[in-house]
Amino acid sequence: MSQDIDRIDLMMDYLRCDLSPANRRQAEKLISEDRYKDRLFAIVKSLFIESKKTDWQQARESSLKLASRLFKDYQKSKKRPGANPGINIFDSRMFPLPEGVRPAKVDTSRLKYRVGEQTLELSLYPVSTESYELIGQVLDLESDQQLYVKLHSSGKDDFEIAADRFYLFRFDRIPKADYTLELILDNNKIGTVALQL
């Protein structure tokens, strides 16, 4: 495995023209030694060409947004250790679609949070210009107790629903607002997530 990694590094240096003339000839000899290395070089070359088409500035901006949000959520969790606040680890609204992928007709988004030892996955689908359908699932939760999910917002109605045995839940129509989503298991709050619709 480490030999393959070394070969790939050498091939990448060859493609970037980062080798001296002597090392370049050595790389060409290595590539043409056998069929396996020739095929490996073809794969590396096609990946290298594809990577040149990538908009690295856009990817960099998305990564910075996600990193700053991760840090902000982490700082919040340090201030309130008992509340077990969720830390956003993925937001599909921050990353550009890969080339060749058509956008959905509706503006859906996927979110993923780390809440204590559990992972919370959410999907948001616009129902109207002022409301969303919210579907979610709590992963890595092992309990025989009933899980309830509550949504609180100042100035809006509160919502509560029981999750099924797979910890799946669905809110049909939630008005746009800033919410606090609470996960409640056996009358104990096991986590909270700040959610902006």
N, C-alpha and C. Protein backbone atom coordinates (compact mmCIF):
# COMPACT_ATOMS: atom_id res chain seq x y z
N MET A 1 0.83 -1.20 0.00
CA MET A 1 0.00 0.00 0.00
C MET A 1 0.87 1.26 0.00
N SER A 2 1.88 1.31 0.87
CA SER A 2 2.72 2.51 0.93
C SER A 2 3.52 2.67 -0.37
N GLN A 3 3.85 1.54 -1.03
CA GLN A 3 4.54 1.62 -2.32
C GLN A 3 3.65 2.30 -3.36
N ASP A 4 2.36 1.94 -3.36
CA ASP A 4 1.41 2.55 -4.29
C ASP A 4 1.28 4.05 -4.02
N ILE A 5 1.25 4.42 -2.75
CA ILE A 5 1.14 5.84 -2.40
C ILE A 5 2.37 6.59 -2.90
N ASP A 6 3.55 6.00 -2.71
CA ASP A 6 4.79 6.62 -3.21
C ASP A 6 4.75 6.77 -4.72
N ARG A 7 4.24 5.74 -5.41
CA ARG A 7 4.15 5.80 -6.88
C ARG A 7 3.18 6.90 -7.31
N ILE A 8 2.06 6.98 -6.62
CA ILE A 8 1.06 8.01 -6.95
C ILE A 8 1.65 9.40 -6.73
N ASP A 9 2.37 9.58 -5.62
CA ASP A 9 3.03 10.87 -5.37
C ASP A 9 4.01 11.22 -6.49
N LEU A 10 4.77 10.22 -6.91
CA LEU A 10 5.74 10.43 -7.99
C LEU A 10 5.02 10.79 -9.30
N MET A 11 3.91 10.09 -9.58
CA MET A 11 3.14 10.37 -10.79
C MET A 11 2.54 11.78 -10.76
N MET A 12 2.06 12.19 -9.58
CA MET A 12 1.51 13.54 -9.45
C MET A 12 2.60 14.59 -9.68
N ASP A 13 3.79 14.35 -9.11
CA ASP A 13 4.91 15.27 -9.34
C ASP A 13 5.27 15.32 -10.83
N TYR A 14 5.20 14.17 -11.49
CA TYR A 14 5.48 14.09 -12.93
C TYR A 14 4.47 14.94 -13.72
N LEU A 15 3.18 14.79 -13.37
CA LEU A 15 2.14 15.54 -14.07
C LEU A 15 2.22 17.05 -13.81
N ARG A 16 2.65 17.41 -12.61
CA ARG A 16 2.78 18.83 -12.26
C ARG A 16 4.08 19.44 -12.80
N CYS A 17 4.95 18.59 -13.38
CA CYS A 17 6.27 19.02 -13.88
C CYS A 17 7.16 19.51 -12.74
N ASP A 18 7.08 18.83 -11.60
CA ASP A 18 7.88 19.19 -10.43
C ASP A 18 9.16 18.37 -10.32
N LEU A 19 9.49 17.58 -11.34
CA LEU A 19 10.66 16.70 -11.28
C LEU A 19 11.80 17.26 -12.13
N SER A 20 13.00 16.95 -11.69
CA SER A 20 14.18 17.30 -12.50
C SER A 20 14.17 16.42 -13.75
N PRO A 21 14.92 16.78 -14.79
CA PRO A 21 14.93 15.95 -16.01
C PRO A 21 15.33 14.49 -15.74
N ALA A 22 16.30 14.26 -14.85
CA ALA A 22 16.72 12.89 -14.54
C ALA A 22 15.60 12.12 -13.84
N ASN A 23 14.95 12.76 -12.86
CA ASN A 23 13.85 12.11 -12.15
C ASN A 23 12.63 11.92 -13.05
N ARG A 24 12.46 12.81 -14.00
CA ARG A 24 11.36 12.69 -14.96
C ARG A 24 11.54 11.45 -15.84
N ARG A 25 12.77 11.22 -16.31
CA ARG A 25 13.05 10.01 -17.10
C ARG A 25 12.85 8.75 -16.26
N GLN A 26 13.26 8.82 -14.99
CA GLN A 26 13.09 7.67 -14.09
C GLN A 26 11.59 7.38 -13.89
N ALA A 27 10.78 8.42 -13.75
CA ALA A 27 9.33 8.24 -13.59
C ALA A 27 8.72 7.63 -14.85
N GLU A 28 9.14 8.10 -16.01
CA GLU A 28 8.64 7.54 -17.27
C GLU A 28 8.98 6.07 -17.40
N LYS A 29 10.19 5.71 -16.96
CA LYS A 29 10.62 4.31 -17.00
C LYS A 29 9.77 3.46 -16.05
N LEU A 30 9.51 4.00 -14.84
CA LEU A 30 8.70 3.29 -13.85
C LEU A 30 7.28 3.06 -14.37
N ILE A 31 6.70 4.08 -14.99
CA ILE A 31 5.33 4.00 -15.49
C ILE A 31 5.22 2.95 -16.59
N SER A 32 6.21 2.88 -17.45
CA SER A 32 6.14 1.95 -18.58
C SER A 32 6.63 0.54 -18.24
N GLU A 33 7.03 0.30 -16.98
CA GLU A 33 7.56 -1.01 -16.57
C GLU A 33 6.56 -2.15 -16.78
N ASP A 34 5.34 -1.93 -16.33
CA ASP A 34 4.34 -3.00 -16.47
C ASP A 34 2.95 -2.40 -16.66
N ARG A 35 2.02 -3.30 -16.96
CA ARG A 35 0.66 -2.89 -17.28
C ARG A 35 -0.05 -2.24 -16.09
N TYR A 36 0.19 -2.77 -14.87
CA TYR A 36 -0.45 -2.25 -13.66
C TYR A 36 -0.09 -0.78 -13.46
N LYS A 37 1.20 -0.46 -13.55
CA LYS A 37 1.64 0.93 -13.34
C LYS A 37 1.13 1.84 -14.45
N ASP A 38 1.03 1.31 -15.65
CA ASP A 38 0.51 2.09 -16.76
C ASP A 38 -0.97 2.44 -16.53
N ARG A 39 -1.76 1.45 -16.05
CA ARG A 39 -3.18 1.70 -15.75
C ARG A 39 -3.33 2.66 -14.57
N LEU A 40 -2.47 2.47 -13.55
CA LEU A 40 -2.49 3.36 -12.39
C LEU A 40 -2.21 4.80 -12.83
N PHE A 41 -1.25 4.96 -13.72
CA PHE A 41 -0.92 6.30 -14.22
C PHE A 41 -2.10 6.90 -14.99
N ALA A 42 -2.80 6.08 -15.77
CA ALA A 42 -3.96 6.58 -16.52
C ALA A 42 -5.04 7.10 -15.56
N ILE A 43 -5.25 6.39 -14.46
CA ILE A 43 -6.25 6.82 -13.46
C ILE A 43 -5.80 8.11 -12.79
N VAL A 44 -4.54 8.15 -12.36
CA VAL A 44 -4.00 9.35 -11.70
C VAL A 44 -4.08 10.55 -12.64
N LYS A 45 -3.77 10.32 -13.91
CA LYS A 45 -3.79 11.42 -14.89
C LYS A 45 -5.21 11.95 -15.09
N SER A 46 -6.19 11.05 -15.18
CA SER A 46 -7.57 11.52 -15.37
C SER A 46 -8.06 12.28 -14.13
N LEU A 47 -7.68 11.82 -12.93
CA LEU A 47 -8.05 12.55 -11.71
C LEU A 47 -7.37 13.92 -11.67
N PHE A 48 -6.13 13.96 -12.11
CA PHE A 48 -5.38 15.22 -12.14
C PHE A 48 -6.06 16.22 -13.08
N ILE A 49 -6.47 15.75 -14.24
CA ILE A 49 -7.14 16.61 -15.22
C ILE A 49 -8.48 17.11 -14.67
N GLU A 50 -9.24 16.20 -14.03
CA GLU A 50 -10.53 16.59 -13.44
C GLU A 50 -10.35 17.62 -12.34
N SER A 51 -9.30 17.45 -11.53
CA SER A 51 -9.09 18.39 -10.42
C SER A 51 -8.77 19.79 -10.91
N LYS A 52 -8.24 19.90 -12.12
CA LYS A 52 -7.94 21.23 -12.68
C LYS A 52 -9.23 21.99 -12.99
N LYS A 53 -10.34 21.26 -13.20
CA LYS A 53 -11.62 21.90 -13.52
C LYS A 53 -12.34 22.40 -12.27
N THR A 54 -11.90 21.95 -11.10
CA THR A 54 -12.58 22.28 -9.86
C THR A 54 -12.39 23.75 -9.51
N ASP A 55 -13.47 24.35 -9.02
CA ASP A 55 -13.40 25.73 -8.54
C ASP A 55 -12.94 25.70 -7.09
N TRP A 56 -11.63 25.72 -6.89
CA TRP A 56 -11.07 25.58 -5.54
C TRP A 56 -11.42 26.76 -4.65
N GLN A 57 -11.61 27.94 -5.24
CA GLN A 57 -11.98 29.11 -4.43
C GLN A 57 -13.35 28.91 -3.80
N GLN A 58 -14.29 28.38 -4.58
CA GLN A 58 -15.63 28.13 -4.06
C GLN A 58 -15.59 27.04 -2.98
N ALA A 59 -14.82 26.00 -3.21
CA ALA A 59 -14.69 24.93 -2.21
C ALA A 59 -14.04 25.46 -0.94
N ARG A 60 -13.06 26.35 -1.11
CA ARG A 60 -12.37 26.94 0.05
C ARG A 60 -13.34 27.76 0.88
N GLU A 61 -14.16 28.59 0.22
CA GLU A 61 -15.14 29.42 0.93
C GLU A 61 -16.14 28.56 1.69
N SER A 62 -16.62 27.50 1.07
CA SER A 62 -17.58 26.60 1.72
C SER A 62 -16.94 25.94 2.93
N SER A 63 -15.70 25.51 2.79
CA SER A 63 -14.99 24.86 3.90
C SER A 63 -14.79 25.83 5.05
N LEU A 64 -14.46 27.08 4.74
CA LEU A 64 -14.27 28.08 5.79
C LEU A 64 -15.58 28.36 6.52
N LYS A 65 -16.70 28.44 5.77
CA LYS A 65 -18.00 28.65 6.41
C LYS A 65 -18.32 27.51 7.37
N LEU A 66 -18.11 26.28 6.90
CA LEU A 66 -18.41 25.12 7.75
C LEU A 66 -17.49 25.09 8.96
N ALA A 67 -16.21 25.38 8.77
CA ALA A 67 -15.27 25.36 9.89
C ALA A 67 -15.63 26.42 10.93
N SER A 68 -16.02 27.62 10.48
CA SER A 68 -16.38 28.66 11.44
C SER A 68 -17.67 28.31 12.18
N ARG A 69 -18.61 27.66 11.47
CA ARG A 69 -19.84 27.23 12.15
C ARG A 69 -19.55 26.12 13.15
N LEU A 70 -18.68 25.18 12.77
CA LEU A 70 -18.28 24.13 13.71
C LEU A 70 -17.68 24.73 14.97
N PHE A 71 -16.79 25.71 14.79
CA PHE A 71 -16.13 26.34 15.93
C PHE A 71 -17.15 27.07 16.80
N LYS A 72 -18.09 27.79 16.17
CA LYS A 72 -19.11 28.51 16.92
C LYS A 72 -19.98 27.54 17.73
N ASP A 73 -20.41 26.44 17.09
CA ASP A 73 -21.21 25.44 17.80
C ASP A 73 -20.42 24.80 18.93
N TYR A 74 -19.15 24.56 18.69
CA TYR A 74 -18.29 23.96 19.72
C TYR A 74 -18.16 24.92 20.91
N GLN A 75 -17.98 26.22 20.63
CA GLN A 75 -17.87 27.21 21.71
C GLN A 75 -19.16 27.24 22.53
N LYS A 76 -20.32 27.17 21.85
CA LYS A 76 -21.60 27.14 22.56
C LYS A 76 -21.69 25.91 23.46
N SER A 77 -21.23 24.77 22.95
CA SER A 77 -21.32 23.53 23.72
C SER A 77 -20.43 23.58 24.96
N LYS A 78 -19.31 24.32 24.89
CA LYS A 78 -18.42 24.44 26.05
C LYS A 78 -19.06 25.31 27.14
N LYS A 79 -19.88 26.30 26.71
CA LYS A 79 -20.53 27.20 27.68
C LYS A 79 -21.69 26.51 28.39
N ARG A 80 -22.33 25.55 27.72
CA ARG A 80 -23.48 24.85 28.30
C ARG A 80 -23.24 23.35 28.27
N PRO A 81 -22.32 22.83 29.10
CA PRO A 81 -21.96 21.41 29.02
C PRO A 81 -23.10 20.45 29.38
N GLY A 82 -24.01 20.85 30.26
CA GLY A 82 -25.08 19.95 30.67
C GLY A 82 -26.19 19.84 29.65
N ALA A 83 -26.34 20.84 28.78
CA ALA A 83 -27.45 20.88 27.83
C ALA A 83 -27.22 19.98 26.63
N ASN A 84 -26.01 19.52 26.41
CA ASN A 84 -25.67 18.64 25.29
C ASN A 84 -26.10 19.25 23.96
N PRO A 85 -25.63 20.48 23.65
CA PRO A 85 -26.06 21.10 22.38
C PRO A 85 -25.45 20.40 21.17
N GLY A 86 -26.21 20.37 20.08
CA GLY A 86 -25.74 19.73 18.85
C GLY A 86 -24.73 20.60 18.12
N ILE A 87 -23.75 19.96 17.53
CA ILE A 87 -22.72 20.64 16.75
C ILE A 87 -22.95 20.29 15.29
N ASN A 88 -23.17 21.29 14.45
CA ASN A 88 -23.44 21.07 13.03
C ASN A 88 -22.19 20.55 12.35
N ILE A 89 -22.27 19.35 11.77
CA ILE A 89 -21.11 18.77 11.10
C ILE A 89 -21.29 18.68 9.58
N PHE A 90 -22.49 19.00 9.08
CA PHE A 90 -22.71 19.04 7.63
C PHE A 90 -23.93 19.89 7.33
N ASP A 91 -23.83 20.71 6.28
CA ASP A 91 -24.95 21.51 5.81
C ASP A 91 -24.85 21.58 4.29
N SER A 92 -25.80 20.96 3.61
CA SER A 92 -25.73 20.89 2.14
C SER A 92 -25.88 22.27 1.49
N ARG A 93 -26.41 23.26 2.23
CA ARG A 93 -26.57 24.60 1.66
C ARG A 93 -25.22 25.31 1.50
N MET A 94 -24.19 24.83 2.20
CA MET A 94 -22.89 25.50 2.16
C MET A 94 -22.00 25.05 1.02
N PHE A 95 -22.25 23.86 0.48
CA PHE A 95 -21.36 23.32 -0.53
C PHE A 95 -21.98 23.39 -1.91
N PRO A 96 -21.18 23.72 -2.91
CA PRO A 96 -21.71 23.75 -4.28
C PRO A 96 -21.99 22.34 -4.77
N LEU A 97 -22.94 22.24 -5.70
CA LEU A 97 -23.22 20.94 -6.30
C LEU A 97 -22.05 20.52 -7.18
N PRO A 98 -21.73 19.23 -7.21
CA PRO A 98 -20.66 18.77 -8.11
C PRO A 98 -21.05 19.03 -9.56
N GLU A 99 -20.05 19.17 -10.40
CA GLU A 99 -20.30 19.43 -11.82
C GLU A 99 -21.10 18.27 -12.42
N GLY A 100 -22.10 18.60 -13.19
CA GLY A 100 -22.91 17.58 -13.84
C GLY A 100 -24.13 17.17 -13.04
N VAL A 101 -24.26 17.63 -11.79
CA VAL A 101 -25.42 17.31 -10.97
C VAL A 101 -26.41 18.45 -11.09
N ARG A 102 -27.61 18.12 -11.51
CA ARG A 102 -28.63 19.15 -11.67
C ARG A 102 -29.23 19.48 -10.31
N PRO A 103 -29.51 20.76 -10.05
CA PRO A 103 -30.14 21.11 -8.79
C PRO A 103 -31.58 20.61 -8.75
N ALA A 104 -32.07 20.38 -7.55
CA ALA A 104 -33.46 19.96 -7.39
C ALA A 104 -34.38 21.13 -7.74
N LYS A 105 -35.62 20.81 -8.11
CA LYS A 105 -36.56 21.87 -8.45
C LYS A 105 -36.94 22.67 -7.22
N VAL A 106 -36.90 22.03 -6.06
CA VAL A 106 -37.17 22.74 -4.81
C VAL A 106 -35.87 22.82 -4.02
N ASP A 107 -35.79 23.83 -3.18
CA ASP A 107 -34.56 24.09 -2.44
C ASP A 107 -34.52 23.23 -1.17
N THR A 108 -34.12 21.99 -1.31
CA THR A 108 -34.02 21.11 -0.15
C THR A 108 -32.64 21.28 0.48
N SER A 109 -32.55 20.90 1.73
CA SER A 109 -31.23 20.91 2.37
C SER A 109 -31.13 19.77 3.36
N ARG A 110 -29.91 19.32 3.54
CA ARG A 110 -29.60 18.24 4.46
C ARG A 110 -28.66 18.79 5.52
N LEU A 111 -28.93 18.42 6.76
CA LEU A 111 -28.11 18.87 7.89
C LEU A 111 -27.73 17.66 8.72
N LYS A 112 -26.56 17.72 9.30
CA LYS A 112 -26.13 16.65 10.19
C LYS A 112 -25.50 17.29 11.42
N TYR A 113 -25.90 16.79 12.60
CA TYR A 113 -25.39 17.32 13.87
C TYR A 113 -24.84 16.17 14.72
N ARG A 114 -23.87 16.51 15.52
CA ARG A 114 -23.36 15.58 16.54
C ARG A 114 -23.95 16.08 17.85
N VAL A 115 -24.75 15.24 18.50
CA VAL A 115 -25.41 15.59 19.76
C VAL A 115 -24.97 14.57 20.80
N GLY A 116 -23.99 14.92 21.60
CA GLY A 116 -23.44 13.97 22.56
C GLY A 116 -22.84 12.79 21.81
N GLU A 117 -23.32 11.60 22.10
CA GLU A 117 -22.83 10.39 21.44
C GLU A 117 -23.65 10.04 20.20
N GLN A 118 -24.74 10.79 19.97
CA GLN A 118 -25.64 10.49 18.85
C GLN A 118 -25.39 11.42 17.67
N THR A 119 -25.87 10.97 16.51
CA THR A 119 -25.86 11.79 15.30
C THR A 119 -27.30 12.07 14.92
N LEU A 120 -27.60 13.33 14.63
CA LEU A 120 -28.93 13.74 14.22
C LEU A 120 -28.86 14.17 12.76
N GLU A 121 -29.64 13.52 11.91
CA GLU A 121 -29.71 13.88 10.49
C GLU A 121 -31.07 14.50 10.21
N LEU A 122 -31.06 15.65 9.53
CA LEU A 122 -32.29 16.36 9.20
C LEU A 122 -32.36 16.64 7.71
N SER A 123 -33.57 16.59 7.17
CA SER A 123 -33.83 16.99 5.79
C SER A 123 -34.96 18.01 5.81
N LEU A 124 -34.74 19.12 5.12
CA LEU A 124 -35.74 20.19 5.05
C LEU A 124 -36.25 20.31 3.62
N TYR A 125 -37.58 20.30 3.48
CA TYR A 125 -38.21 20.43 2.16
C TYR A 125 -39.20 21.59 2.22
N PRO A 126 -39.10 22.56 1.32
CA PRO A 126 -40.07 23.66 1.32
C PRO A 126 -41.46 23.15 0.95
N VAL A 127 -42.44 23.53 1.76
CA VAL A 127 -43.84 23.18 1.48
C VAL A 127 -44.52 24.39 0.83
N SER A 128 -44.15 25.57 1.30
CA SER A 128 -44.63 26.83 0.73
C SER A 128 -43.51 27.85 0.89
N THR A 129 -43.79 29.09 0.54
CA THR A 129 -42.74 30.12 0.69
C THR A 129 -42.46 30.43 2.15
N GLU A 130 -43.36 30.05 3.04
CA GLU A 130 -43.20 30.38 4.46
C GLU A 130 -43.12 29.16 5.38
N SER A 131 -43.04 27.94 4.83
CA SER A 131 -43.00 26.77 5.71
C SER A 131 -42.19 25.63 5.09
N TYR A 132 -41.75 24.73 5.97
CA TYR A 132 -40.94 23.57 5.58
C TYR A 132 -41.51 22.29 6.16
N GLU A 133 -41.23 21.20 5.47
CA GLU A 133 -41.42 19.87 6.04
C GLU A 133 -40.06 19.48 6.60
N LEU A 134 -40.06 18.95 7.83
CA LEU A 134 -38.81 18.56 8.49
C LEU A 134 -38.86 17.07 8.78
N ILE A 135 -37.90 16.34 8.23
CA ILE A 135 -37.79 14.90 8.47
C ILE A 135 -36.43 14.66 9.11
N GLY A 136 -36.40 13.85 10.16
CA GLY A 136 -35.13 13.61 10.84
C GLY A 136 -35.02 12.21 11.40
N GLN A 137 -33.80 11.87 11.79
CA GLN A 137 -33.54 10.58 12.42
C GLN A 137 -32.35 10.75 13.36
N VAL A 138 -32.48 10.11 14.53
CA VAL A 138 -31.38 10.08 15.49
C VAL A 138 -30.69 8.74 15.32
N LEU A 139 -29.39 8.77 15.07
CA LEU A 139 -28.60 7.55 14.88
C LEU A 139 -27.77 7.29 16.12
N ASP A 140 -27.34 6.06 16.30
CA ASP A 140 -26.46 5.64 17.41
C ASP A 140 -27.14 5.78 18.76
N LEU A 141 -28.46 5.68 18.80
CA LEU A 141 -29.19 5.74 20.06
C LEU A 141 -29.74 4.36 20.36
N GLU A 142 -29.37 3.83 21.51
CA GLU A 142 -29.84 2.50 21.90
C GLU A 142 -30.62 2.64 23.20
N SER A 143 -31.94 2.54 23.08
CA SER A 143 -32.80 2.68 24.25
C SER A 143 -34.15 2.05 23.95
N ASP A 144 -34.81 1.57 24.98
CA ASP A 144 -36.17 1.05 24.83
C ASP A 144 -37.20 2.13 25.12
N GLN A 145 -36.75 3.31 25.53
CA GLN A 145 -37.64 4.41 25.89
C GLN A 145 -38.13 5.13 24.63
N GLN A 146 -39.27 5.80 24.77
CA GLN A 146 -39.83 6.59 23.67
C GLN A 146 -39.06 7.90 23.52
N LEU A 147 -38.69 8.21 22.29
CA LEU A 147 -38.01 9.47 21.98
C LEU A 147 -39.03 10.48 21.49
N TYR A 148 -39.01 11.68 22.08
CA TYR A 148 -39.86 12.78 21.64
C TYR A 148 -38.98 13.89 21.09
N VAL A 149 -39.49 14.58 20.09
CA VAL A 149 -38.77 15.70 19.49
C VAL A 149 -39.66 16.94 19.63
N LYS A 150 -39.10 18.01 20.21
CA LYS A 150 -39.85 19.25 20.40
C LYS A 150 -39.16 20.38 19.65
N LEU A 151 -39.97 21.26 19.08
CA LEU A 151 -39.47 22.48 18.43
C LEU A 151 -40.04 23.68 19.16
N HIS A 152 -39.17 24.55 19.69
CA HIS A 152 -39.58 25.77 20.39
C HIS A 152 -39.11 26.97 19.58
N SER A 153 -39.97 27.99 19.55
CA SER A 153 -39.58 29.25 18.92
C SER A 153 -40.32 30.38 19.61
N SER A 154 -39.62 31.48 19.86
CA SER A 154 -40.31 32.62 20.47
C SER A 154 -41.21 33.26 19.42
N GLY A 155 -42.46 33.48 19.80
CA GLY A 155 -43.40 34.12 18.89
C GLY A 155 -44.09 33.17 17.93
N LYS A 156 -43.75 31.90 17.93
CA LYS A 156 -44.40 30.91 17.06
C LYS A 156 -44.94 29.77 17.93
N ASP A 157 -45.77 28.92 17.33
CA ASP A 157 -46.28 27.76 18.04
C ASP A 157 -45.15 26.77 18.30
N ASP A 158 -45.27 26.01 19.38
CA ASP A 158 -44.33 24.92 19.65
C ASP A 158 -44.88 23.65 19.01
N PHE A 159 -43.98 22.77 18.62
CA PHE A 159 -44.37 21.51 17.98
C PHE A 159 -43.71 20.37 18.74
N GLU A 160 -44.43 19.24 18.83
CA GLU A 160 -43.88 18.05 19.49
C GLU A 160 -44.38 16.82 18.75
N ILE A 161 -43.49 15.84 18.62
CA ILE A 161 -43.87 14.59 17.95
C ILE A 161 -43.07 13.45 18.56
N ALA A 162 -43.67 12.25 18.54
CA ALA A 162 -42.97 11.05 19.01
C ALA A 162 -42.26 10.41 17.81
N ALA A 163 -41.03 10.02 18.01
CA ALA A 163 -40.28 9.32 16.95
C ALA A 163 -40.72 7.87 16.91
N ASP A 164 -40.52 7.22 15.77
CA ASP A 164 -40.87 5.80 15.68
C ASP A 164 -39.76 4.94 16.28
N ARG A 165 -39.87 3.62 16.15
CA ARG A 165 -38.90 2.72 16.78
C ARG A 165 -37.51 2.82 16.17
N PHE A 166 -37.41 3.42 14.98
CA PHE A 166 -36.10 3.64 14.35
C PHE A 166 -35.59 5.06 14.61
N TYR A 167 -36.28 5.76 15.50
CA TYR A 167 -35.96 7.15 15.87
C TYR A 167 -36.10 8.11 14.69
N LEU A 168 -37.03 7.79 13.80
CA LEU A 168 -37.39 8.68 12.69
C LEU A 168 -38.55 9.57 13.13
N PHE A 169 -38.55 10.81 12.67
CA PHE A 169 -39.66 11.71 12.98
C PHE A 169 -39.90 12.65 11.81
N ARG A 170 -41.12 13.23 11.79
CA ARG A 170 -41.49 14.09 10.67
C ARG A 170 -42.48 15.15 11.13
N PHE A 171 -42.15 16.39 10.84
CA PHE A 171 -43.07 17.50 11.05
C PHE A 171 -43.54 17.94 9.67
N ASP A 172 -44.87 17.90 9.45
CA ASP A 172 -45.42 18.16 8.12
C ASP A 172 -45.22 19.59 7.64
N ARG A 173 -45.51 20.55 8.50
CA ARG A 173 -45.47 21.95 8.06
C ARG A 173 -45.01 22.82 9.23
N ILE A 174 -43.78 23.31 9.12
CA ILE A 174 -43.19 24.16 10.16
C ILE A 174 -42.97 25.55 9.57
N PRO A 175 -43.55 26.60 10.18
CA PRO A 175 -43.32 27.95 9.65
C PRO A 175 -41.85 28.37 9.77
N LYS A 176 -41.41 29.22 8.85
CA LYS A 176 -40.04 29.74 8.90
C LYS A 176 -39.82 30.50 10.20
N ALA A 177 -38.74 30.17 10.90
CA ALA A 177 -38.38 30.85 12.15
C ALA A 177 -37.08 30.26 12.66
N ASP A 178 -36.58 30.82 13.74
CA ASP A 178 -35.45 30.23 14.45
C ASP A 178 -36.01 29.34 15.55
N TYR A 179 -35.58 28.08 15.57
CA TYR A 179 -36.10 27.12 16.52
C TYR A 179 -34.99 26.53 17.37
N THR A 180 -35.41 26.01 18.52
CA THR A 180 -34.56 25.14 19.31
C THR A 180 -35.20 23.77 19.25
N LEU A 181 -34.49 22.81 18.70
CA LEU A 181 -34.99 21.44 18.60
C LEU A 181 -34.46 20.68 19.81
N GLU A 182 -35.35 20.03 20.56
CA GLU A 182 -34.95 19.28 21.75
C GLU A 182 -35.24 17.80 21.54
N LEU A 183 -34.30 16.97 21.93
CA LEU A 183 -34.48 15.52 21.92
C LEU A 183 -34.74 15.10 23.36
N ILE A 184 -35.89 14.46 23.60
CA ILE A 184 -36.28 14.09 24.96
C ILE A 184 -36.51 12.59 25.02
N LEU A 185 -35.80 11.95 25.92
CA LEU A 185 -35.88 10.50 26.10
C LEU A 185 -36.20 10.23 27.55
N ASP A 186 -37.33 9.57 27.82
CA ASP A 186 -37.73 9.23 29.19
C ASP A 186 -37.76 10.48 30.08
N ASN A 187 -38.40 11.54 29.58
CA ASN A 187 -38.53 12.83 30.28
C ASN A 187 -37.21 13.52 30.58
N ASN A 188 -36.12 13.10 29.94
CA ASN A 188 -34.81 13.76 30.09
C ASN A 188 -34.39 14.34 28.75
N LYS A 189 -33.96 15.59 28.78
CA LYS A 189 -33.46 16.23 27.56
C LYS A 189 -32.07 15.67 27.28
N ILE A 190 -31.92 14.98 26.13
CA ILE A 190 -30.61 14.39 25.80
C ILE A 190 -29.82 15.25 24.81
N GLY A 191 -30.44 16.31 24.30
CA GLY A 191 -29.71 17.18 23.38
C GLY A 191 -30.58 18.29 22.84
N THR A 192 -29.92 19.36 22.42
CA THR A 192 -30.61 20.48 21.79
C THR A 192 -29.83 20.91 20.55
N VAL A 193 -30.57 21.45 19.60
CA VAL A 193 -29.96 21.94 18.36
C VAL A 193 -30.61 23.27 18.00
N ALA A 194 -29.79 24.26 17.69
CA ALA A 194 -30.31 25.54 17.19
C ALA A 194 -30.56 25.37 15.69
N LEU A 195 -31.78 25.61 15.27
CA LEU A 195 -32.19 25.34 13.89
C LEU A 195 -32.79 26.60 13.29
N GLN A 196 -32.31 26.98 12.13
CA GLN A 196 -32.81 28.17 11.45
C GLN A 196 -33.49 27.75 10.15
N LEU A 197 -34.79 28.01 10.06
CA LEU A 197 -35.54 27.67 8.85
C LEU A 197 -35.76 28.92 8.02
